[in-house]
Amino acid sequence: MKRMVAITLLVVLLTMSALAAGAYLATRFFVDPALKDLNGAVAGVQPEAQKQLMPYLQQLQEVRDTGGFYVPCVLFLAGLTATLILSPLLRSSAKRLVVTREETPKTAEANILAEQERPIKAVGDDPVDVGACRILSILQNKGRLIDFLQEDITAYPDAQIGTAVRHIHEDCRNALSAYITLAPVMSEKEGETVVISEGFDPSEIRLTGQITREAPFEGILQHSGWKITQIDLPEQPKGQKHRVVAPAEVEIGPI
């Protein structure tokens, strides 16, 4: 970092020095020949005209002499001033970067622990999305439902699968009934004849079979349906994202 600061200051100083050198060379190769030609032209005119032109020619010569001396000096001093002004600023920036790099390894562990403990709230989370993930998390934690569904059970015998399903069924059913109250959409028993009146809610009743006329409809109840009447989900663990339905488990110990 110190090397970069030194290079920056050197570039600023060299830039202003180059401008000063450019001004000197421009005066030497362009202004001086033009003045010389102008002196020759004035020398060839009549004496009365020379008297009138000489004061202006002398003024041009004075401007050239003044500019040839002061312009390079001003540019060089400007570069030196800019270097002196930027030097403390760049030096302080370099110190801050060095301090930050030295403190990062010491605070890395504390930052990781704080990040894990801090509650994470995503902006614009859909409550329905959060609730669905929370329910899935409960079924996984209580009954290992996701583990069972994600596992390939084709190689297991039916008897072993039946034993595992019994325990998963019991645990998931208890977890579901503890937090969600369900009720049938239609109170009639399955297999009975029911009448669906006009204006029914298609989200609650799905018609199947041959539909050839307008409501009311008469048919056989195949499934009573389910609807949620109450949801009482527990609070999400502190610091856990709602889309993480089951965090990975790592046992820390000697390796």
C-alpha atoms as a PDB file:
ATOM      1  CA  MET A   1       0.000   0.000   0.000  1.00  0.00           C
ATOM      2  CA  LYS A   2       2.815   2.420   0.826  1.00  0.00           C
ATOM      3  CA  ARG A   3       4.356   1.668  -2.537  1.00  0.00           C
ATOM      4  CA  MET A   4       1.077   2.487  -4.292  1.00  0.00           C
ATOM      5  CA  VAL A   5       0.825   5.814  -2.437  1.00  0.00           C
ATOM      6  CA  ALA A   6       4.374   6.719  -3.416  1.00  0.00           C
ATOM      7  CA  ILE A   7       3.706   5.835  -7.062  1.00  0.00           C
ATOM      8  CA  THR A   8       0.545   7.994  -7.069  1.00  0.00           C
ATOM      9  CA  LEU A   9       2.381  11.007  -5.687  1.00  0.00           C
ATOM     10  CA  LEU A  10       5.196  10.510  -8.181  1.00  0.00           C
ATOM     11  CA  VAL A  11       2.743  10.369 -11.080  1.00  0.00           C
ATOM     12  CA  VAL A  12       1.119  13.652  -9.989  1.00  0.00           C
ATOM     13  CA  LEU A  13       4.476  15.395  -9.692  1.00  0.00           C
ATOM     14  CA  LEU A  14       5.728  14.039 -13.027  1.00  0.00           C
ATOM     15  CA  THR A  15       2.512  15.110 -14.767  1.00  0.00           C
ATOM     16  CA  MET A  16       2.833  18.708 -13.627  1.00  0.00           C
ATOM     17  CA  SER A  17       6.553  18.680 -14.480  1.00  0.00           C
ATOM     18  CA  ALA A  18       5.732  17.439 -17.961  1.00  0.00           C
ATOM     19  CA  LEU A  19       3.255  20.280 -18.417  1.00  0.00           C
ATOM     20  CA  ALA A  20       5.915  22.754 -17.338  1.00  0.00           C
ATOM     21  CA  ALA A  21       8.403  21.240 -19.773  1.00  0.00           C
ATOM     22  CA  GLY A  22       5.780  21.359 -22.530  1.00  0.00           C
ATOM     23  CA  ALA A  23       5.168  25.052 -21.900  1.00  0.00           C
ATOM     24  CA  TYR A  24       8.916  25.755 -22.064  1.00  0.00           C
ATOM     25  CA  LEU A  25       9.352  23.803 -25.312  1.00  0.00           C
ATOM     26  CA  ALA A  26       6.334  25.492 -26.904  1.00  0.00           C
ATOM     27  CA  THR A  27       7.838  28.879 -26.091  1.00  0.00           C
ATOM     28  CA  ARG A  28      11.253  27.843 -27.388  1.00  0.00           C
ATOM     29  CA  PHE A  29      10.172  26.332 -30.703  1.00  0.00           C
ATOM     30  CA  PHE A  30       7.044  28.314 -31.607  1.00  0.00           C
ATOM     31  CA  VAL A  31       6.868  31.667 -29.832  1.00  0.00           C
ATOM     32  CA  ASP A  32      10.547  32.612 -30.195  1.00  0.00           C
ATOM     33  CA  PRO A  33      10.699  31.961 -33.987  1.00  0.00           C
ATOM     34  CA  ALA A  34       7.484  33.922 -34.467  1.00  0.00           C
ATOM     35  CA  LEU A  35       8.900  36.898 -32.553  1.00  0.00           C
ATOM     36  CA  LYS A  36      12.133  36.687 -34.531  1.00  0.00           C
ATOM     37  CA  ASP A  37      10.262  36.793 -37.826  1.00  0.00           C
ATOM     38  CA  LEU A  38       8.159  39.667 -36.537  1.00  0.00           C
ATOM     39  CA  ASN A  39      11.328  41.650 -35.616  1.00  0.00           C
ATOM     40  CA  GLY A  40      12.701  41.078 -39.101  1.00  0.00           C
ATOM     41  CA  ALA A  41       9.462  42.232 -40.677  1.00  0.00           C
ATOM     42  CA  VAL A  42       9.400  45.404 -38.556  1.00  0.00           C
ATOM     43  CA  ALA A  43      13.052  46.140 -39.413  1.00  0.00           C
ATOM     44  CA  GLY A  44      12.169  46.187 -43.119  1.00  0.00           C
ATOM     45  CA  VAL A  45       9.480  48.844 -42.916  1.00  0.00           C
ATOM     46  CA  GLN A  46       9.888  52.614 -43.003  1.00  0.00           C
ATOM     47  CA  PRO A  47      11.331  54.400 -39.925  1.00  0.00           C
ATOM     48  CA  GLU A  48       8.042  56.129 -39.100  1.00  0.00           C
ATOM     49  CA  ALA A  49       6.188  52.802 -39.095  1.00  0.00           C
ATOM     50  CA  GLN A  50       8.969  51.249 -37.001  1.00  0.00           C
ATOM     51  CA  LYS A  51       8.463  53.873 -34.317  1.00  0.00           C
ATOM     52  CA  GLN A  52       4.768  53.044 -34.165  1.00  0.00           C
ATOM     53  CA  LEU A  53       5.283  49.247 -34.097  1.00  0.00           C
ATOM     54  CA  MET A  54       8.251  49.029 -31.732  1.00  0.00           C
ATOM     55  CA  PRO A  55       6.245  49.620 -28.497  1.00  0.00           C
ATOM     56  CA  TYR A  56       3.923  46.755 -29.385  1.00  0.00           C
ATOM     57  CA  LEU A  57       6.829  44.525 -30.283  1.00  0.00           C
ATOM     58  CA  GLN A  58       8.520  45.276 -26.969  1.00  0.00           C
ATOM     59  CA  GLN A  59       5.323  44.409 -25.102  1.00  0.00           C
ATOM     60  CA  LEU A  60       5.136  41.064 -26.890  1.00  0.00           C
ATOM     61  CA  GLN A  61       8.765  40.397 -25.960  1.00  0.00           C
ATOM     62  CA  GLU A  62       8.064  41.215 -22.304  1.00  0.00           C
ATOM     63  CA  VAL A  63       5.029  38.883 -22.296  1.00  0.00           C
ATOM     64  CA  ARG A  64       7.166  36.125 -23.777  1.00  0.00           C
ATOM     65  CA  ASP A  65       9.930  36.620 -21.186  1.00  0.00           C
ATOM     66  CA  THR A  66       7.435  36.689 -18.322  1.00  0.00           C
ATOM     67  CA  GLY A  67       5.529  33.658 -19.529  1.00  0.00           C
ATOM     68  CA  GLY A  68       8.686  31.696 -20.230  1.00  0.00           C
ATOM     69  CA  PHE A  69       9.748  32.145 -16.634  1.00  0.00           C
ATOM     70  CA  TYR A  70       6.522  32.050 -14.641  1.00  0.00           C
ATOM     71  CA  VAL A  71       4.447  29.424 -16.483  1.00  0.00           C
ATOM     72  CA  PRO A  72       6.873  26.515 -15.862  1.00  0.00           C
ATOM     73  CA  CYS A  73       7.360  27.653 -12.264  1.00  0.00           C
ATOM     74  CA  VAL A  74       3.608  27.876 -11.637  1.00  0.00           C
ATOM     75  CA  LEU A  75       2.971  24.423 -13.117  1.00  0.00           C
ATOM     76  CA  PHE A  76       5.794  22.862 -11.135  1.00  0.00           C
ATOM     77  CA  LEU A  77       4.628  24.500  -7.900  1.00  0.00           C
ATOM     78  CA  ALA A  78       1.061  23.370  -8.618  1.00  0.00           C
ATOM     79  CA  GLY A  79       2.260  19.768  -8.950  1.00  0.00           C
ATOM     80  CA  LEU A  80       4.283  20.045  -5.770  1.00  0.00           C
ATOM     81  CA  THR A  81       1.301  21.563  -3.917  1.00  0.00           C
ATOM     82  CA  ALA A  82      -1.033  18.832  -5.144  1.00  0.00           C
ATOM     83  CA  THR A  83       1.471  16.233  -3.970  1.00  0.00           C
ATOM     84  CA  LEU A  84       1.696  17.779  -0.510  1.00  0.00           C
ATOM     85  CA  ILE A  85      -2.106  18.003  -0.212  1.00  0.00           C
ATOM     86  CA  LEU A  86      -2.793  14.450  -1.399  1.00  0.00           C
ATOM     87  CA  SER A  87       0.003  12.913   0.633  1.00  0.00           C
ATOM     88  CA  PRO A  88      -1.767  13.043   4.073  1.00  0.00           C
ATOM     89  CA  LEU A  89      -5.071  11.907   2.569  1.00  0.00           C
ATOM     90  CA  LEU A  90      -3.547   8.911   0.828  1.00  0.00           C
ATOM     91  CA  ARG A  91      -1.450   8.111   3.888  1.00  0.00           C
ATOM     92  CA  SER A  92      -4.528   8.085   6.169  1.00  0.00           C
ATOM     93  CA  SER A  93      -6.436   5.898   3.674  1.00  0.00           C
ATOM     94  CA  ALA A  94      -3.551   3.465   3.599  1.00  0.00           C
ATOM     95  CA  LYS A  95      -3.475   3.295   7.408  1.00  0.00           C
ATOM     96  CA  ARG A  96      -7.230   2.577   7.564  1.00  0.00           C
ATOM     97  CA  LEU A  97      -6.870  -0.245   5.037  1.00  0.00           C
ATOM     98  CA  VAL A  98      -3.941  -1.725   6.938  1.00  0.00           C
ATOM     99  CA  VAL A  99      -5.846  -1.594  10.241  1.00  0.00           C
ATOM    100  CA  THR A 100      -8.888  -3.214   8.652  1.00  0.00           C
ATOM    101  CA  ARG A 101      -6.812  -6.058   7.233  1.00  0.00           C
ATOM    102  CA  GLU A 102      -5.142  -6.646  10.601  1.00  0.00           C
ATOM    103  CA  GLU A 103      -8.414  -6.691  12.538  1.00  0.00           C
ATOM    104  CA  THR A 104     -10.327  -8.952  10.119  1.00  0.00           C
ATOM    105  CA  PRO A 105      -8.819 -12.298  11.249  1.00  0.00           C
ATOM    106  CA  LYS A 106      -9.414 -11.425  14.910  1.00  0.00           C
ATOM    107  CA  THR A 107     -13.086 -10.597  14.468  1.00  0.00           C
ATOM    108  CA  ALA A 108     -13.987 -13.243  11.862  1.00  0.00           C
ATOM    109  CA  GLU A 109     -15.134 -15.814  14.419  1.00  0.00           C
ATOM    110  CA  ALA A 110     -17.194 -13.252  16.360  1.00  0.00           C
ATOM    111  CA  ASN A 111     -18.859 -12.049  13.165  1.00  0.00           C
ATOM    112  CA  ILE A 112     -19.792 -15.596  12.152  1.00  0.00           C
ATOM    113  CA  LEU A 113     -21.356 -16.302  15.548  1.00  0.00           C
ATOM    114  CA  ALA A 114     -23.260 -13.007  15.502  1.00  0.00           C
ATOM    115  CA  GLU A 115     -24.533 -13.725  11.985  1.00  0.00           C
ATOM    116  CA  GLN A 116     -25.820 -17.136  13.062  1.00  0.00           C
ATOM    117  CA  GLU A 117     -27.631 -15.737  16.111  1.00  0.00           C
ATOM    118  CA  ARG A 118     -29.166 -12.700  14.400  1.00  0.00           C
ATOM    119  CA  PRO A 119     -32.764 -13.170  13.205  1.00  0.00           C
ATOM    120  CA  ILE A 120     -32.962 -13.053   9.431  1.00  0.00           C
ATOM    121  CA  LYS A 121     -35.954 -11.255   7.940  1.00  0.00           C
ATOM    122  CA  ALA A 122     -36.189 -11.232   4.173  1.00  0.00           C
ATOM    123  CA  VAL A 123     -37.938  -8.193   2.716  1.00  0.00           C
ATOM    124  CA  GLY A 124     -41.243  -8.971   1.086  1.00  0.00           C
ATOM    125  CA  ASP A 125     -41.637 -12.544   2.432  1.00  0.00           C
ATOM    126  CA  ASP A 126     -45.025 -13.971   1.523  1.00  0.00           C
ATOM    127  CA  PRO A 127     -46.796 -15.105   4.750  1.00  0.00           C
ATOM    128  CA  VAL A 128     -48.268 -18.072   2.874  1.00  0.00           C
ATOM    129  CA  ASP A 129     -44.790 -19.073   1.693  1.00  0.00           C
ATOM    130  CA  VAL A 130     -43.374 -18.745   5.205  1.00  0.00           C
ATOM    131  CA  GLY A 131     -46.241 -20.748   6.693  1.00  0.00           C
ATOM    132  CA  ALA A 132     -45.893 -23.557   4.152  1.00  0.00           C
ATOM    133  CA  CYS A 133     -42.181 -23.872   4.837  1.00  0.00           C
ATOM    134  CA  ARG A 134     -42.837 -23.806   8.573  1.00  0.00           C
ATOM    135  CA  ILE A 135     -45.368 -26.668   8.349  1.00  0.00           C
ATOM    136  CA  LEU A 136     -42.957 -28.717   6.263  1.00  0.00           C
ATOM    137  CA  SER A 137     -40.248 -28.042   8.828  1.00  0.00           C
ATOM    138  CA  ILE A 138     -42.512 -29.307  11.633  1.00  0.00           C
ATOM    139  CA  LEU A 139     -43.337 -32.526   9.767  1.00  0.00           C
ATOM    140  CA  GLN A 140     -39.635 -33.086   9.154  1.00  0.00           C
ATOM    141  CA  ASN A 141     -38.591 -32.412  12.739  1.00  0.00           C
ATOM    142  CA  LYS A 142     -41.379 -34.466  14.305  1.00  0.00           C
ATOM    143  CA  GLY A 143     -41.779 -37.306  11.818  1.00  0.00           C
ATOM    144  CA  ARG A 144     -38.770 -37.179   9.453  1.00  0.00           C
ATOM    145  CA  LEU A 145     -41.245 -36.876   6.569  1.00  0.00           C
ATOM    146  CA  ILE A 146     -38.805 -35.311   4.084  1.00  0.00           C
ATOM    147  CA  ASP A 147     -36.135 -37.918   4.846  1.00  0.00           C
ATOM    148  CA  PHE A 148     -38.655 -40.674   4.138  1.00  0.00           C
ATOM    149  CA  LEU A 149     -39.989 -39.132   0.922  1.00  0.00           C
ATOM    150  CA  GLN A 150     -36.516 -38.382  -0.433  1.00  0.00           C
ATOM    151  CA  GLU A 151     -35.164 -41.862   0.245  1.00  0.00           C
ATOM    152  CA  ASP A 152     -35.259 -44.568  -2.447  1.00  0.00           C
ATOM    153  CA  ILE A 153     -37.280 -47.410  -0.851  1.00  0.00           C
ATOM    154  CA  THR A 154     -37.431 -49.721  -3.864  1.00  0.00           C
ATOM    155  CA  ALA A 155     -34.775 -52.006  -2.385  1.00  0.00           C
ATOM    156  CA  TYR A 156     -36.560 -52.488   0.967  1.00  0.00           C
ATOM    157  CA  PRO A 157     -39.096 -55.304   1.544  1.00  0.00           C
ATOM    158  CA  ASP A 158     -42.744 -54.382   2.094  1.00  0.00           C
ATOM    159  CA  ALA A 159     -42.695 -55.508   5.718  1.00  0.00           C
ATOM    160  CA  GLN A 160     -39.805 -53.170   6.582  1.00  0.00           C
ATOM    161  CA  ILE A 161     -41.452 -50.286   4.754  1.00  0.00           C
ATOM    162  CA  GLY A 162     -44.735 -50.900   6.564  1.00  0.00           C
ATOM    163  CA  THR A 163     -43.029 -50.743   9.958  1.00  0.00           C
ATOM    164  CA  ALA A 164     -41.273 -47.478   9.062  1.00  0.00           C
ATOM    165  CA  VAL A 165     -44.440 -45.919   7.641  1.00  0.00           C
ATOM    166  CA  ARG A 166     -46.368 -46.713  10.819  1.00  0.00           C
ATOM    167  CA  HIS A 167     -44.001 -44.647  12.951  1.00  0.00           C
ATOM    168  CA  ILE A 168     -43.775 -41.806  10.411  1.00  0.00           C
ATOM    169  CA  HIS A 169     -47.564 -41.743  10.067  1.00  0.00           C
ATOM    170  CA  GLU A 170     -48.089 -41.520  13.817  1.00  0.00           C
ATOM    171  CA  ASP A 171     -45.475 -38.821  14.385  1.00  0.00           C
ATOM    172  CA  CYS A 172     -46.629 -36.656  11.429  1.00  0.00           C
ATOM    173  CA  ARG A 173     -50.292 -37.025  12.393  1.00  0.00           C
ATOM    174  CA  ASN A 174     -49.595 -35.914  15.966  1.00  0.00           C
ATOM    175  CA  ALA A 175     -47.511 -32.967  14.734  1.00  0.00           C
ATOM    176  CA  LEU A 176     -50.187 -31.896  12.269  1.00  0.00           C
ATOM    177  CA  SER A 177     -53.026 -32.110  14.775  1.00  0.00           C
ATOM    178  CA  ALA A 178     -51.006 -30.176  17.367  1.00  0.00           C
ATOM    179  CA  TYR A 179     -50.656 -27.065  15.201  1.00  0.00           C
ATOM    180  CA  ILE A 180     -53.402 -27.237  12.538  1.00  0.00           C
ATOM    181  CA  THR A 181     -57.138 -27.824  12.983  1.00  0.00           C
ATOM    182  CA  LEU A 182     -58.754 -29.549   9.984  1.00  0.00           C
ATOM    183  CA  ALA A 183     -62.411 -30.062   9.119  1.00  0.00           C
ATOM    184  CA  PRO A 184     -64.149 -31.744   6.129  1.00  0.00           C
ATOM    185  CA  VAL A 185     -65.402 -29.424   3.397  1.00  0.00           C
ATOM    186  CA  MET A 186     -68.689 -31.361   3.132  1.00  0.00           C
ATOM    187  CA  SER A 187     -70.307 -32.938   6.169  1.00  0.00           C
ATOM    188  CA  GLU A 188     -72.007 -35.786   4.273  1.00  0.00           C
ATOM    189  CA  LYS A 189     -70.469 -39.243   4.360  1.00  0.00           C
ATOM    190  CA  GLU A 190     -68.462 -40.485   1.410  1.00  0.00           C
ATOM    191  CA  GLY A 191     -70.602 -42.599  -0.934  1.00  0.00           C
ATOM    192  CA  GLU A 192     -73.813 -40.666  -0.250  1.00  0.00           C
ATOM    193  CA  THR A 193     -75.745 -38.735  -2.901  1.00  0.00           C
ATOM    194  CA  VAL A 194     -75.284 -34.990  -2.614  1.00  0.00           C
ATOM    195  CA  VAL A 195     -76.711 -31.969  -4.443  1.00  0.00           C
ATOM    196  CA  ILE A 196     -74.423 -29.139  -5.535  1.00  0.00           C
ATOM    197  CA  SER A 197     -76.394 -25.931  -5.853  1.00  0.00           C
ATOM    198  CA  GLU A 198     -75.748 -23.083  -8.246  1.00  0.00           C
ATOM    199  CA  GLY A 199     -73.010 -20.637  -7.227  1.00  0.00           C
ATOM    200  CA  PHE A 200     -70.827 -23.214  -5.421  1.00  0.00           C
ATOM    201  CA  ASP A 201     -67.203 -22.393  -4.674  1.00  0.00           C
ATOM    202  CA  PRO A 202     -64.973 -24.282  -7.169  1.00  0.00           C
ATOM    203  CA  SER A 203     -62.061 -24.035  -4.751  1.00  0.00           C
ATOM    204  CA  GLU A 204     -64.032 -26.149  -2.243  1.00  0.00           C
ATOM    205  CA  ILE A 205     -65.791 -28.559  -4.619  1.00  0.00           C
ATOM    206  CA  ARG A 206     -64.296 -30.173  -7.726  1.00  0.00           C
ATOM    207  CA  LEU A 207     -66.745 -31.805 -10.123  1.00  0.00           C
ATOM    208  CA  THR A 208     -65.750 -34.949 -12.034  1.00  0.00           C
ATOM    209  CA  GLY A 209     -67.491 -37.244 -14.454  1.00  0.00           C
ATOM    210  CA  GLN A 210     -69.871 -36.179 -17.234  1.00  0.00           C
ATOM    211  CA  ILE A 211     -71.079 -32.597 -16.818  1.00  0.00           C
ATOM    212  CA  THR A 212     -73.703 -31.923 -19.498  1.00  0.00           C
ATOM    213  CA  ARG A 213     -75.988 -29.317 -17.951  1.00  0.00           C
ATOM    214  CA  GLU A 214     -76.023 -26.324 -15.616  1.00  0.00           C
ATOM    215  CA  ALA A 215     -76.273 -26.394 -11.801  1.00  0.00           C
ATOM    216  CA  PRO A 216     -77.743 -27.708  -9.628  1.00  0.00           C
ATOM    217  CA  PHE A 217     -75.805 -30.958  -9.895  1.00  0.00           C
ATOM    218  CA  GLU A 218     -76.486 -34.310  -8.260  1.00  0.00           C
ATOM    219  CA  GLY A 219     -73.725 -36.843  -7.715  1.00  0.00           C
ATOM    220  CA  ILE A 220     -71.928 -39.272  -5.406  1.00  0.00           C
ATOM    221  CA  LEU A 221     -69.535 -37.825  -2.812  1.00  0.00           C
ATOM    222  CA  GLN A 222     -66.175 -39.447  -3.461  1.00  0.00           C
ATOM    223  CA  HIS A 223     -64.121 -37.432  -0.957  1.00  0.00           C
ATOM    224  CA  SER A 224     -65.279 -35.014   1.740  1.00  0.00           C
ATOM    225  CA  GLY A 225     -62.277 -32.729   1.260  1.00  0.00           C
ATOM    226  CA  TRP A 226     -60.332 -30.919   3.935  1.00  0.00           C
ATOM    227  CA  LYS A 227     -60.124 -27.276   4.975  1.00  0.00           C
ATOM    228  CA  ILE A 228     -58.109 -25.577   7.668  1.00  0.00           C
ATOM    229  CA  THR A 229     -60.129 -23.896  10.379  1.00  0.00           C
ATOM    230  CA  GLN A 230     -57.257 -22.826  12.638  1.00  0.00           C
ATOM    231  CA  ILE A 231     -53.456 -22.548  12.437  1.00  0.00           C
ATOM    232  CA  ASP A 232     -51.278 -22.165  15.521  1.00  0.00           C
ATOM    233  CA  LEU A 233     -47.681 -22.560  14.361  1.00  0.00           C
ATOM    234  CA  PRO A 234     -44.813 -22.205  16.849  1.00  0.00           C
ATOM    235  CA  GLU A 235     -42.329 -19.374  16.446  1.00  0.00           C
ATOM    236  CA  GLN A 236     -39.458 -19.996  14.096  1.00  0.00           C
ATOM    237  CA  PRO A 237     -36.072 -20.646  15.758  1.00  0.00           C
ATOM    238  CA  LYS A 238     -34.073 -17.475  16.125  1.00  0.00           C
ATOM    239  CA  GLY A 239     -31.783 -16.797  13.173  1.00  0.00           C
ATOM    240  CA  GLN A 240     -33.180 -19.562  10.954  1.00  0.00           C
ATOM    241  CA  LYS A 241     -34.316 -18.742   7.432  1.00  0.00           C
ATOM    242  CA  HIS A 242     -37.865 -19.851   6.684  1.00  0.00           C
ATOM    243  CA  ARG A 243     -36.811 -21.788   3.569  1.00  0.00           C
ATOM    244  CA  VAL A 244     -34.433 -23.942   5.610  1.00  0.00           C
ATOM    245  CA  VAL A 245     -36.943 -26.562   6.758  1.00  0.00           C
ATOM    246  CA  ALA A 246     -34.259 -28.683   8.428  1.00  0.00           C
ATOM    247  CA  PRO A 247     -30.760 -27.344   9.163  1.00  0.00           C
ATOM    248  CA  ALA A 248     -27.753 -29.579   8.603  1.00  0.00           C
ATOM    249  CA  GLU A 249     -26.433 -31.157  11.776  1.00  0.00           C
ATOM    250  CA  VAL A 250     -22.678 -31.167  12.419  1.00  0.00           C
ATOM    251  CA  GLU A 251     -21.153 -32.746  15.490  1.00  0.00           C
ATOM    252  CA  ILE A 252     -18.065 -30.865  16.626  1.00  0.00           C
ATOM    253  CA  GLY A 253     -15.302 -32.904  18.198  1.00  0.00           C
ATOM    254  CA  PRO A 254     -11.733 -34.094  17.780  1.00  0.00           C
ATOM    255  CA  ILE A 255     -10.873 -35.262  14.275  1.00  0.00           C
END
